[in-house]
Amino acid sequence: MALPVGAAAPDFALKRKIPEGLEEVRLSAFRGRKVVLLFFPLAFTSVCTEEMCRMTEGLNAYERLDASILAVSVDSPFAQEAWAQREGIRIPLLSDLNKEVARAYDVLLPGLLGIGDVAARAAFVIDRQGKIAYAEVTPNPSVLPQFSAIEEAVRRIG
């Protein structure tokens, strides 16, 4: 069961690939802003590609709502960057290779397709004080999150 609404969002420090190398991204650096934190199972898969491309299309709308979008998977930052370049994904993709953040948010999905543990498809909206204002884990990895509910949660924070 994912972390509930009202719980403090666990801080993390994850790497992302940027042109100059690797950059560390901390959730705590976004304090004072709204954050949409998405967990997705694996790069280069059809449903994950659809989700990240749809969120990229809505990036400007979230920015107007003073919200940042971060996406987390167990892929390496190098695989994530290759996928982002191929698909035009502009959301920061963060590597949780050791699966600690997926465990902290209680969204680790064991043994997907017999290939190993991955992050479940999940969405959290985190308010300006670092509390979870919305939490959703889809019933299985082939189901997209409720995009309208995520956006509404961001709007409600104000």
N, C-alpha and C. Protein backbone atom coordinates (compact mmCIF):
# COMPACT_ATOMS: atom_id res chain seq x y z
N MET A 1 0.85 -1.18 0.00
CA MET A 1 0.00 0.00 0.00
C MET A 1 0.89 1.24 0.00
N ALA A 2 0.65 2.16 -0.88
CA ALA A 2 1.45 3.38 -1.00
C ALA A 2 1.26 4.26 0.22
N LEU A 3 2.16 5.19 0.39
CA LEU A 3 2.05 6.16 1.48
C LEU A 3 0.72 6.91 1.35
N PRO A 4 0.06 7.18 2.46
CA PRO A 4 -1.25 7.82 2.40
C PRO A 4 -1.19 9.33 2.30
N VAL A 5 -2.30 9.91 1.89
CA VAL A 5 -2.46 11.35 1.87
C VAL A 5 -2.26 11.87 3.30
N GLY A 6 -1.53 12.96 3.41
CA GLY A 6 -1.23 13.55 4.71
C GLY A 6 0.12 13.16 5.27
N ALA A 7 0.69 12.07 4.77
CA ALA A 7 2.01 11.63 5.24
C ALA A 7 3.08 12.56 4.68
N ALA A 8 4.19 12.65 5.40
CA ALA A 8 5.34 13.40 4.89
C ALA A 8 5.95 12.61 3.74
N ALA A 9 6.23 13.30 2.65
CA ALA A 9 6.87 12.65 1.50
C ALA A 9 8.34 12.41 1.84
N PRO A 10 8.79 11.16 1.79
CA PRO A 10 10.20 10.90 2.09
C PRO A 10 11.13 11.65 1.12
N ASP A 11 12.14 12.28 1.69
CA ASP A 11 13.13 12.95 0.86
C ASP A 11 13.97 11.90 0.15
N PHE A 12 14.60 12.28 -0.91
CA PHE A 12 15.51 11.39 -1.63
C PHE A 12 16.55 12.20 -2.37
N ALA A 13 17.59 11.53 -2.76
CA ALA A 13 18.63 12.09 -3.63
C ALA A 13 18.87 11.06 -4.72
N LEU A 14 18.41 11.36 -5.92
CA LEU A 14 18.56 10.44 -7.05
C LEU A 14 19.31 11.12 -8.18
N LYS A 15 19.91 10.32 -9.04
CA LYS A 15 20.69 10.85 -10.17
C LYS A 15 19.84 10.90 -11.42
N ARG A 16 20.16 11.92 -12.22
CA ARG A 16 19.59 12.01 -13.57
C ARG A 16 20.73 12.36 -14.51
N LYS A 17 20.59 11.96 -15.75
CA LYS A 17 21.59 12.23 -16.78
C LYS A 17 21.32 13.60 -17.38
N ILE A 18 22.35 14.42 -17.41
CA ILE A 18 22.31 15.71 -18.09
C ILE A 18 23.50 15.74 -19.04
N PRO A 19 23.55 16.68 -19.97
CA PRO A 19 24.66 16.69 -20.95
C PRO A 19 26.05 16.70 -20.32
N GLU A 20 26.20 17.34 -19.17
CA GLU A 20 27.51 17.44 -18.53
C GLU A 20 27.88 16.22 -17.71
N GLY A 21 26.96 15.28 -17.55
CA GLY A 21 27.23 14.09 -16.74
C GLY A 21 26.00 13.71 -15.94
N LEU A 22 26.20 13.48 -14.64
CA LEU A 22 25.09 13.12 -13.77
C LEU A 22 24.82 14.26 -12.81
N GLU A 23 23.55 14.47 -12.52
CA GLU A 23 23.13 15.51 -11.59
C GLU A 23 22.32 14.85 -10.48
N GLU A 24 22.55 15.27 -9.25
CA GLU A 24 21.76 14.77 -8.14
C GLU A 24 20.53 15.65 -7.96
N VAL A 25 19.39 15.02 -7.82
CA VAL A 25 18.13 15.73 -7.62
C VAL A 25 17.58 15.31 -6.26
N ARG A 26 17.30 16.29 -5.42
CA ARG A 26 16.73 16.05 -4.10
C ARG A 26 15.29 16.58 -4.07
N LEU A 27 14.40 15.79 -3.52
CA LEU A 27 13.02 16.25 -3.38
C LEU A 27 12.98 17.50 -2.50
N SER A 28 13.78 17.54 -1.47
CA SER A 28 13.78 18.69 -0.55
C SER A 28 14.12 20.01 -1.24
N ALA A 29 14.80 19.95 -2.38
CA ALA A 29 15.13 21.16 -3.13
C ALA A 29 13.87 21.81 -3.72
N PHE A 30 12.77 21.09 -3.75
CA PHE A 30 11.52 21.59 -4.31
C PHE A 30 10.57 22.11 -3.23
N ARG A 31 11.01 22.15 -1.98
CA ARG A 31 10.15 22.65 -0.89
C ARG A 31 9.69 24.05 -1.24
N GLY A 32 8.42 24.33 -1.02
CA GLY A 32 7.85 25.62 -1.40
C GLY A 32 7.17 25.58 -2.76
N ARG A 33 7.36 24.48 -3.50
CA ARG A 33 6.69 24.27 -4.78
C ARG A 33 5.85 23.01 -4.68
N LYS A 34 4.91 22.87 -5.58
CA LYS A 34 4.13 21.65 -5.68
C LYS A 34 4.91 20.69 -6.58
N VAL A 35 4.83 19.41 -6.27
CA VAL A 35 5.55 18.40 -7.04
C VAL A 35 4.60 17.26 -7.42
N VAL A 36 4.64 16.88 -8.68
CA VAL A 36 3.99 15.66 -9.13
C VAL A 36 5.10 14.64 -9.26
N LEU A 37 5.05 13.62 -8.42
CA LEU A 37 6.07 12.57 -8.41
C LEU A 37 5.46 11.31 -9.00
N LEU A 38 6.00 10.91 -10.15
CA LEU A 38 5.49 9.73 -10.86
C LEU A 38 6.50 8.59 -10.75
N PHE A 39 6.02 7.42 -10.43
CA PHE A 39 6.83 6.21 -10.50
C PHE A 39 6.34 5.42 -11.70
N PHE A 40 7.28 4.88 -12.47
CA PHE A 40 6.90 4.06 -13.62
C PHE A 40 7.82 2.84 -13.67
N PRO A 41 7.32 1.71 -14.21
CA PRO A 41 8.09 0.47 -14.16
C PRO A 41 9.39 0.48 -14.97
N LEU A 42 9.33 0.72 -16.26
CA LEU A 42 10.52 0.56 -17.09
C LEU A 42 10.50 1.47 -18.31
N ALA A 43 11.62 2.06 -18.60
CA ALA A 43 11.80 2.83 -19.83
C ALA A 43 11.65 1.91 -21.03
N PHE A 44 11.37 2.48 -22.17
CA PHE A 44 11.27 1.77 -23.45
C PHE A 44 10.09 0.80 -23.51
N THR A 45 9.09 0.99 -22.66
CA THR A 45 7.88 0.17 -22.73
C THR A 45 6.73 1.05 -23.19
N SER A 46 5.74 0.46 -23.81
CA SER A 46 4.70 1.25 -24.47
C SER A 46 3.86 2.09 -23.50
N VAL A 47 3.42 1.53 -22.40
CA VAL A 47 2.56 2.28 -21.48
C VAL A 47 3.37 3.38 -20.78
N CYS A 48 4.59 3.08 -20.41
CA CYS A 48 5.44 4.10 -19.78
C CYS A 48 5.74 5.24 -20.76
N THR A 49 5.96 4.89 -22.00
CA THR A 49 6.19 5.91 -23.02
C THR A 49 4.96 6.79 -23.18
N GLU A 50 3.79 6.18 -23.24
CA GLU A 50 2.55 6.95 -23.36
C GLU A 50 2.39 7.89 -22.16
N GLU A 51 2.63 7.39 -20.96
CA GLU A 51 2.48 8.22 -19.75
C GLU A 51 3.44 9.41 -19.76
N MET A 52 4.71 9.16 -20.02
CA MET A 52 5.70 10.24 -19.97
C MET A 52 5.50 11.24 -21.11
N CYS A 53 5.07 10.77 -22.27
CA CYS A 53 4.80 11.70 -23.38
C CYS A 53 3.57 12.55 -23.08
N ARG A 54 2.54 11.97 -22.48
CA ARG A 54 1.36 12.76 -22.10
C ARG A 54 1.71 13.80 -21.04
N MET A 55 2.54 13.42 -20.08
CA MET A 55 2.93 14.38 -19.05
C MET A 55 3.83 15.47 -19.64
N THR A 56 4.68 15.10 -20.59
CA THR A 56 5.51 16.11 -21.26
C THR A 56 4.62 17.10 -22.00
N GLU A 57 3.57 16.62 -22.67
CA GLU A 57 2.63 17.51 -23.37
C GLU A 57 1.96 18.48 -22.41
N GLY A 58 1.74 18.06 -21.15
CA GLY A 58 1.08 18.91 -20.17
C GLY A 58 2.03 19.69 -19.28
N LEU A 59 3.32 19.62 -19.59
CA LEU A 59 4.33 20.26 -18.75
C LEU A 59 4.07 21.74 -18.53
N ASN A 60 3.74 22.47 -19.57
CA ASN A 60 3.50 23.91 -19.44
C ASN A 60 2.32 24.20 -18.51
N ALA A 61 1.28 23.40 -18.58
CA ALA A 61 0.12 23.60 -17.71
C ALA A 61 0.51 23.41 -16.25
N TYR A 62 1.32 22.41 -15.97
CA TYR A 62 1.77 22.19 -14.59
C TYR A 62 2.69 23.31 -14.13
N GLU A 63 3.54 23.79 -15.02
CA GLU A 63 4.42 24.91 -14.66
C GLU A 63 3.60 26.16 -14.32
N ARG A 64 2.50 26.38 -15.05
CA ARG A 64 1.63 27.53 -14.75
C ARG A 64 0.98 27.37 -13.38
N LEU A 65 0.82 26.14 -12.92
CA LEU A 65 0.26 25.87 -11.60
C LEU A 65 1.34 25.84 -10.52
N ASP A 66 2.57 26.25 -10.87
CA ASP A 66 3.71 26.26 -9.96
C ASP A 66 4.05 24.86 -9.46
N ALA A 67 3.95 23.89 -10.36
CA ALA A 67 4.24 22.50 -10.02
C ALA A 67 5.35 21.96 -10.91
N SER A 68 6.20 21.18 -10.29
CA SER A 68 7.26 20.48 -11.02
C SER A 68 6.87 19.02 -11.14
N ILE A 69 7.27 18.39 -12.22
CA ILE A 69 7.03 16.96 -12.43
C ILE A 69 8.38 16.25 -12.37
N LEU A 70 8.43 15.19 -11.58
CA LEU A 70 9.60 14.32 -11.51
C LEU A 70 9.12 12.90 -11.73
N ALA A 71 9.90 12.10 -12.46
CA ALA A 71 9.53 10.72 -12.74
C ALA A 71 10.67 9.80 -12.32
N VAL A 72 10.31 8.70 -11.69
CA VAL A 72 11.28 7.78 -11.09
C VAL A 72 11.06 6.37 -11.63
N SER A 73 12.17 5.71 -12.00
CA SER A 73 12.12 4.29 -12.35
C SER A 73 13.41 3.63 -11.88
N VAL A 74 13.45 2.32 -11.97
CA VAL A 74 14.65 1.58 -11.55
C VAL A 74 15.68 1.46 -12.67
N ASP A 75 15.42 2.09 -13.80
CA ASP A 75 16.37 2.08 -14.92
C ASP A 75 17.61 2.92 -14.58
N SER A 76 18.71 2.66 -15.28
CA SER A 76 19.90 3.48 -15.10
C SER A 76 19.64 4.86 -15.69
N PRO A 77 20.35 5.89 -15.22
CA PRO A 77 20.14 7.22 -15.81
C PRO A 77 20.54 7.26 -17.29
N PHE A 78 21.41 6.39 -17.71
CA PHE A 78 21.85 6.37 -19.11
C PHE A 78 20.75 5.79 -20.00
N ALA A 79 20.09 4.74 -19.54
CA ALA A 79 18.95 4.19 -20.30
C ALA A 79 17.81 5.19 -20.33
N GLN A 80 17.55 5.83 -19.19
CA GLN A 80 16.48 6.83 -19.14
C GLN A 80 16.73 7.96 -20.14
N GLU A 81 17.97 8.44 -20.21
CA GLU A 81 18.29 9.55 -21.11
C GLU A 81 18.15 9.13 -22.57
N ALA A 82 18.59 7.92 -22.91
CA ALA A 82 18.44 7.44 -24.29
C ALA A 82 16.96 7.36 -24.66
N TRP A 83 16.16 6.87 -23.76
CA TRP A 83 14.71 6.77 -23.98
C TRP A 83 14.10 8.17 -24.12
N ALA A 84 14.46 9.09 -23.23
CA ALA A 84 13.92 10.45 -23.27
C ALA A 84 14.26 11.13 -24.59
N GLN A 85 15.48 10.95 -25.06
CA GLN A 85 15.88 11.56 -26.33
C GLN A 85 15.09 10.96 -27.48
N ARG A 86 14.93 9.66 -27.48
CA ARG A 86 14.21 8.98 -28.55
C ARG A 86 12.74 9.39 -28.61
N GLU A 87 12.12 9.59 -27.43
CA GLU A 87 10.68 9.84 -27.37
C GLU A 87 10.32 11.32 -27.16
N GLY A 88 11.30 12.18 -26.97
CA GLY A 88 11.02 13.60 -26.75
C GLY A 88 10.49 13.90 -25.35
N ILE A 89 10.86 13.09 -24.39
CA ILE A 89 10.41 13.28 -23.01
C ILE A 89 11.25 14.38 -22.37
N ARG A 90 10.57 15.40 -21.81
CA ARG A 90 11.28 16.53 -21.22
C ARG A 90 11.15 16.59 -19.70
N ILE A 91 10.54 15.61 -19.11
CA ILE A 91 10.39 15.54 -17.66
C ILE A 91 11.69 14.98 -17.09
N PRO A 92 12.17 15.51 -15.97
CA PRO A 92 13.35 14.91 -15.34
C PRO A 92 13.09 13.45 -14.96
N LEU A 93 13.91 12.57 -15.47
CA LEU A 93 13.80 11.14 -15.18
C LEU A 93 14.89 10.80 -14.17
N LEU A 94 14.49 10.25 -13.03
CA LEU A 94 15.41 9.99 -11.93
C LEU A 94 15.60 8.49 -11.75
N SER A 95 16.85 8.09 -11.57
CA SER A 95 17.20 6.68 -11.47
C SER A 95 17.19 6.20 -10.02
N ASP A 96 16.33 5.25 -9.75
CA ASP A 96 16.24 4.59 -8.45
C ASP A 96 16.75 3.16 -8.61
N LEU A 97 17.95 3.06 -9.14
CA LEU A 97 18.53 1.75 -9.48
C LEU A 97 18.56 0.80 -8.28
N ASN A 98 18.80 1.34 -7.09
CA ASN A 98 18.86 0.47 -5.90
C ASN A 98 17.48 0.27 -5.26
N LYS A 99 16.45 0.89 -5.81
CA LYS A 99 15.05 0.69 -5.43
C LYS A 99 14.70 1.22 -4.03
N GLU A 100 15.55 2.05 -3.46
CA GLU A 100 15.30 2.57 -2.12
C GLU A 100 14.11 3.53 -2.07
N VAL A 101 13.96 4.36 -3.09
CA VAL A 101 12.87 5.33 -3.08
C VAL A 101 11.53 4.62 -3.33
N ALA A 102 11.50 3.66 -4.22
CA ALA A 102 10.26 2.89 -4.44
C ALA A 102 9.86 2.18 -3.15
N ARG A 103 10.83 1.67 -2.41
CA ARG A 103 10.53 1.05 -1.11
C ARG A 103 10.00 2.10 -0.12
N ALA A 104 10.65 3.26 -0.07
CA ALA A 104 10.25 4.31 0.88
C ALA A 104 8.82 4.78 0.64
N TYR A 105 8.40 4.81 -0.62
CA TYR A 105 7.04 5.22 -0.97
C TYR A 105 6.08 4.03 -1.00
N ASP A 106 6.62 2.84 -0.72
CA ASP A 106 5.86 1.59 -0.68
C ASP A 106 5.17 1.29 -2.01
N VAL A 107 5.94 1.46 -3.10
CA VAL A 107 5.41 1.17 -4.44
C VAL A 107 6.31 0.20 -5.21
N LEU A 108 7.09 -0.60 -4.50
CA LEU A 108 7.94 -1.57 -5.18
C LEU A 108 7.10 -2.76 -5.60
N LEU A 109 7.14 -3.07 -6.88
CA LEU A 109 6.36 -4.16 -7.47
C LEU A 109 7.30 -5.35 -7.65
N PRO A 110 7.07 -6.43 -6.91
CA PRO A 110 8.00 -7.56 -6.99
C PRO A 110 7.82 -8.41 -8.24
N GLY A 111 8.95 -8.81 -8.81
CA GLY A 111 8.99 -9.81 -9.86
C GLY A 111 8.18 -9.55 -11.11
N LEU A 112 8.19 -8.33 -11.62
CA LEU A 112 7.42 -8.03 -12.83
C LEU A 112 7.88 -8.91 -13.99
N LEU A 113 6.94 -9.65 -14.56
CA LEU A 113 7.19 -10.52 -15.72
C LEU A 113 8.36 -11.46 -15.51
N GLY A 114 8.67 -11.73 -14.26
CA GLY A 114 9.77 -12.64 -13.95
C GLY A 114 11.15 -12.02 -14.17
N ILE A 115 11.22 -10.69 -14.38
CA ILE A 115 12.52 -10.07 -14.65
C ILE A 115 13.08 -9.32 -13.45
N GLY A 116 12.29 -9.15 -12.41
CA GLY A 116 12.81 -8.49 -11.22
C GLY A 116 11.86 -7.43 -10.69
N ASP A 117 12.27 -6.84 -9.59
CA ASP A 117 11.46 -5.83 -8.92
C ASP A 117 11.59 -4.48 -9.62
N VAL A 118 10.47 -3.81 -9.80
CA VAL A 118 10.43 -2.49 -10.43
C VAL A 118 9.48 -1.62 -9.62
N ALA A 119 9.46 -0.34 -9.93
CA ALA A 119 8.48 0.55 -9.32
C ALA A 119 7.13 0.27 -9.95
N ALA A 120 6.09 0.27 -9.14
CA ALA A 120 4.73 0.19 -9.67
C ALA A 120 4.42 1.52 -10.36
N ARG A 121 3.38 1.54 -11.16
CA ARG A 121 2.94 2.80 -11.73
C ARG A 121 2.16 3.54 -10.64
N ALA A 122 2.70 4.67 -10.22
CA ALA A 122 2.11 5.40 -9.11
C ALA A 122 2.29 6.90 -9.32
N ALA A 123 1.41 7.67 -8.70
CA ALA A 123 1.48 9.13 -8.78
C ALA A 123 1.24 9.71 -7.39
N PHE A 124 2.06 10.66 -7.03
CA PHE A 124 1.92 11.39 -5.78
C PHE A 124 1.95 12.88 -6.11
N VAL A 125 1.07 13.63 -5.49
CA VAL A 125 1.15 15.08 -5.54
C VAL A 125 1.60 15.51 -4.15
N ILE A 126 2.67 16.29 -4.13
CA ILE A 126 3.27 16.71 -2.87
C ILE A 126 3.08 18.22 -2.74
N ASP A 127 2.57 18.65 -1.59
CA ASP A 127 2.28 20.07 -1.41
C ASP A 127 3.55 20.86 -1.08
N ARG A 128 3.40 22.14 -0.91
CA ARG A 128 4.55 23.04 -0.70
C ARG A 128 5.30 22.76 0.61
N GLN A 129 4.63 22.10 1.55
CA GLN A 129 5.26 21.78 2.83
C GLN A 129 5.85 20.37 2.86
N GLY A 130 5.75 19.65 1.74
CA GLY A 130 6.33 18.31 1.66
C GLY A 130 5.41 17.20 2.13
N LYS A 131 4.11 17.47 2.17
CA LYS A 131 3.12 16.45 2.55
C LYS A 131 2.44 15.91 1.30
N ILE A 132 2.05 14.66 1.36
CA ILE A 132 1.37 14.02 0.24
C ILE A 132 -0.08 14.50 0.22
N ALA A 133 -0.48 15.12 -0.89
CA ALA A 133 -1.83 15.63 -1.07
C ALA A 133 -2.68 14.70 -1.94
N TYR A 134 -2.03 13.80 -2.67
CA TYR A 134 -2.73 12.86 -3.55
C TYR A 134 -1.82 11.66 -3.72
N ALA A 135 -2.41 10.46 -3.68
CA ALA A 135 -1.63 9.24 -3.88
C ALA A 135 -2.46 8.25 -4.70
N GLU A 136 -1.84 7.69 -5.70
CA GLU A 136 -2.50 6.70 -6.55
C GLU A 136 -1.50 5.65 -7.00
N VAL A 137 -1.87 4.40 -6.84
CA VAL A 137 -1.10 3.29 -7.42
C VAL A 137 -2.08 2.57 -8.33
N THR A 138 -1.73 2.42 -9.60
CA THR A 138 -2.66 1.78 -10.52
C THR A 138 -2.77 0.29 -10.19
N PRO A 139 -3.89 -0.35 -10.56
CA PRO A 139 -4.10 -1.75 -10.21
C PRO A 139 -3.11 -2.71 -10.86
N ASN A 140 -2.55 -2.32 -11.99
CA ASN A 140 -1.48 -3.10 -12.62
C ASN A 140 -0.69 -2.15 -13.52
N PRO A 141 0.52 -2.54 -13.92
CA PRO A 141 1.39 -1.63 -14.67
C PRO A 141 0.88 -1.21 -16.05
N SER A 142 -0.11 -1.91 -16.58
CA SER A 142 -0.61 -1.55 -17.91
C SER A 142 -1.68 -0.46 -17.84
N VAL A 143 -2.04 -0.02 -16.64
CA VAL A 143 -3.07 1.00 -16.46
C VAL A 143 -2.40 2.35 -16.17
N LEU A 144 -2.80 3.37 -16.93
CA LEU A 144 -2.27 4.71 -16.72
C LEU A 144 -2.89 5.35 -15.48
N PRO A 145 -2.18 6.28 -14.86
CA PRO A 145 -2.78 6.99 -13.72
C PRO A 145 -3.91 7.90 -14.20
N GLN A 146 -4.67 8.40 -13.27
CA GLN A 146 -5.79 9.29 -13.58
C GLN A 146 -5.25 10.72 -13.72
N PHE A 147 -4.93 11.09 -14.95
CA PHE A 147 -4.31 12.39 -15.21
C PHE A 147 -5.16 13.55 -14.71
N SER A 148 -6.47 13.47 -14.91
CA SER A 148 -7.34 14.56 -14.48
C SER A 148 -7.36 14.69 -12.95
N ALA A 149 -7.30 13.59 -12.24
CA ALA A 149 -7.27 13.62 -10.77
C ALA A 149 -5.95 14.21 -10.27
N ILE A 150 -4.86 13.89 -10.95
CA ILE A 150 -3.56 14.45 -10.57
C ILE A 150 -3.60 15.97 -10.74
N GLU A 151 -4.07 16.43 -11.90
CA GLU A 151 -4.12 17.87 -12.15
C GLU A 151 -5.06 18.57 -11.17
N GLU A 152 -6.18 17.96 -10.86
CA GLU A 152 -7.12 18.55 -9.90
C GLU A 152 -6.48 18.65 -8.52
N ALA A 153 -5.73 17.65 -8.12
CA ALA A 153 -5.04 17.69 -6.82
C ALA A 153 -4.04 18.84 -6.78
N VAL A 154 -3.32 19.04 -7.88
CA VAL A 154 -2.37 20.16 -7.95
C VAL A 154 -3.12 21.49 -7.84
N ARG A 155 -4.23 21.62 -8.51
CA ARG A 155 -5.03 22.86 -8.46
C ARG A 155 -5.54 23.12 -7.04
N ARG A 156 -5.99 22.07 -6.35
CA ARG A 156 -6.56 22.21 -5.01
C ARG A 156 -5.54 22.75 -4.01
N ILE A 157 -4.29 22.45 -4.20
CA ILE A 157 -3.26 22.90 -3.25
C ILE A 157 -3.21 24.42 -3.22
N GLY A 158 -3.40 25.04 -4.36
CA GLY A 158 -3.40 26.50 -4.43
C GLY A 158 -2.03 27.13 -4.43
